[in-house]
Amino acid sequence: MKITNDKIETDFPFCNVYLECGEGWYPLIWGCMKEIQKYCSRVDISPPKVLQIKEKFGGLRMYLAQIDNSGENPLLLNSFYDIMNIVERYELISSLYCQMCGKAINERTRVNYHAICESCSNIKKNK
């Protein structure tokens, strides 16, 4: 199953944003949204509205509102902190994978401040 921006928006209506990162991170984003959705179901709250998802300094950044997706109900602080812990875990994991192809990378194969593997870096240079 290929994960696309449209699939993420369809599966998780609270994440109705354009993804400002490479497709290699889409599975991580999908996994994060799934975990947020499960958490919210378990504690019986609506998921928070996702404001932006992008690449910044070689890592994934996700910005969420402290209100639910309807825009009306503020999330309890403890619930919001729990959700942000989920997000932070995925943000950290993202720097270990190429944002273009999703292949695992290490510090020696990182290109400047971008989480791009050597193969994808070479393709980018040749364009």
Protein backbone atom coordinates (compact mmCIF):
# COMPACT_ATOMS: atom_id res chain seq x y z
CA MET A 1 0.00 0.00 0.00
CA LYS A 2 1.53 3.30 -1.11
CA ILE A 3 0.94 6.11 1.32
CA THR A 4 0.13 9.43 -0.33
CA ASN A 5 -0.83 12.88 0.91
CA ASP A 6 -4.43 12.11 -0.17
CA LYS A 7 -4.47 8.81 1.77
CA ILE A 8 -3.29 10.56 4.93
CA GLU A 9 -5.99 13.23 4.53
CA THR A 10 -8.66 10.59 3.86
CA ASP A 11 -7.67 8.26 6.72
CA PHE A 12 -7.16 11.11 9.21
CA PRO A 13 -9.51 14.07 8.56
CA PHE A 14 -7.84 16.02 11.39
CA CYS A 15 -4.69 16.04 9.21
CA ASN A 16 -6.02 18.00 6.25
CA VAL A 17 -2.77 19.79 5.32
CA TYR A 18 -0.32 19.78 2.45
CA LEU A 19 2.76 17.80 3.50
CA GLU A 20 5.86 19.94 3.02
CA CYS A 21 8.34 17.06 2.98
CA GLY A 22 9.46 14.19 0.80
CA GLU A 23 7.36 11.06 0.26
CA GLY A 24 9.89 8.94 2.15
CA TRP A 25 8.46 10.29 5.39
CA TYR A 26 4.79 9.69 4.49
CA PRO A 27 4.74 6.26 6.22
CA LEU A 28 6.08 7.89 9.41
CA ILE A 29 3.41 10.60 9.23
CA TRP A 30 0.71 7.98 8.65
CA GLY A 31 1.99 5.98 11.64
CA CYS A 32 2.02 9.07 13.85
CA MET A 33 -1.52 10.05 12.86
CA LYS A 34 -2.70 6.46 13.49
CA GLU A 35 -1.14 6.49 16.95
CA ILE A 36 -2.72 9.88 17.74
CA GLN A 37 -6.10 8.60 16.56
CA LYS A 38 -5.80 5.47 18.76
CA TYR A 39 -4.80 7.54 21.78
CA CYS A 40 -7.71 9.94 21.29
CA SER A 41 -10.16 7.04 20.93
CA ARG A 42 -8.81 5.44 24.09
CA VAL A 43 -9.24 8.60 26.20
CA ASP A 44 -12.47 9.56 24.39
CA ILE A 45 -11.43 12.92 22.93
CA SER A 46 -11.40 14.31 19.41
CA PRO A 47 -7.96 14.47 17.78
CA PRO A 48 -6.27 17.88 17.59
CA LYS A 49 -6.23 19.80 14.34
CA VAL A 50 -2.92 19.45 12.49
CA LEU A 51 -1.73 22.89 11.40
CA GLN A 52 1.45 22.07 9.44
CA ILE A 53 3.81 19.20 8.64
CA LYS A 54 7.17 20.01 7.09
CA GLU A 55 10.89 19.28 6.94
CA LYS A 56 13.11 21.56 9.01
CA PHE A 57 16.85 21.15 9.60
CA GLY A 58 16.79 17.54 8.43
CA GLY A 59 13.90 16.46 10.60
CA LEU A 60 10.15 16.21 10.44
CA ARG A 61 8.18 18.93 12.22
CA MET A 62 4.50 18.64 13.04
CA TYR A 63 2.50 21.53 14.43
CA LEU A 64 -0.84 20.85 16.13
CA ALA A 65 -3.47 23.13 17.62
CA GLN A 66 -4.37 22.73 21.25
CA ILE A 67 -8.02 22.43 20.20
CA ASP A 68 -9.84 19.52 18.64
CA ASN A 69 -10.47 19.22 14.92
CA SER A 70 -13.84 21.01 15.18
CA GLY A 71 -11.99 24.12 16.38
CA GLU A 72 -14.30 24.48 19.34
CA ASN A 73 -13.13 22.30 22.21
CA PRO A 74 -9.78 22.89 23.92
CA LEU A 75 -7.85 19.73 24.71
CA LEU A 76 -6.98 19.02 28.32
CA LEU A 77 -3.36 19.87 28.95
CA ASN A 78 -2.41 16.30 29.95
CA SER A 79 -3.95 14.91 26.77
CA PHE A 80 -2.18 17.50 24.64
CA TYR A 81 1.17 16.66 26.29
CA ASP A 82 0.59 12.95 25.65
CA ILE A 83 -0.16 13.67 21.99
CA MET A 84 2.91 15.88 21.68
CA ASN A 85 5.04 13.06 23.12
CA ILE A 86 3.81 10.85 20.28
CA VAL A 87 4.65 13.59 17.76
CA GLU A 88 8.11 14.21 19.23
CA ARG A 89 8.97 10.50 19.00
CA TYR A 90 8.16 10.48 15.28
CA GLU A 91 10.05 13.73 14.74
CA LEU A 92 13.16 12.13 16.25
CA ILE A 93 12.76 8.93 14.22
CA SER A 94 12.44 10.92 10.98
CA SER A 95 16.07 12.04 11.03
CA LEU A 96 17.10 8.40 10.66
CA TYR A 97 15.32 7.98 7.31
CA CYS A 98 15.70 9.59 3.89
CA GLN A 99 12.84 12.00 3.34
CA MET A 100 12.84 11.22 -0.38
CA CYS A 101 12.83 7.39 -0.47
CA GLY A 102 12.41 6.32 3.17
CA LYS A 103 15.66 4.33 3.25
CA ALA A 104 17.49 4.23 6.59
CA ILE A 105 20.44 6.61 6.75
CA ASN A 106 23.15 7.39 9.26
CA GLU A 107 25.04 10.55 10.15
CA ARG A 108 27.73 9.85 7.55
CA THR A 109 25.22 9.74 4.70
CA ARG A 110 23.25 12.82 5.71
CA VAL A 111 23.63 15.74 3.31
CA ASN A 112 24.10 19.09 5.06
CA TYR A 113 20.99 19.65 7.18
CA HIS A 114 18.81 17.39 5.07
CA ALA A 115 17.82 13.81 5.82
CA ILE A 116 18.58 12.57 2.32
CA CYS A 117 20.45 9.36 1.57
CA GLU A 118 23.46 9.32 -0.71
CA SER A 119 21.49 7.81 -3.62
CA CYS A 120 18.80 10.48 -3.52
CA SER A 121 21.43 13.17 -3.10
CA ASN A 122 23.17 12.01 -6.28
CA ILE A 123 19.85 11.97 -8.18
CA LYS A 124 19.13 15.52 -6.98
CA LYS A 125 22.61 16.69 -8.10
CA ASN A 126 22.16 15.21 -11.58
CA LYS A 127 18.86 17.01 -12.27
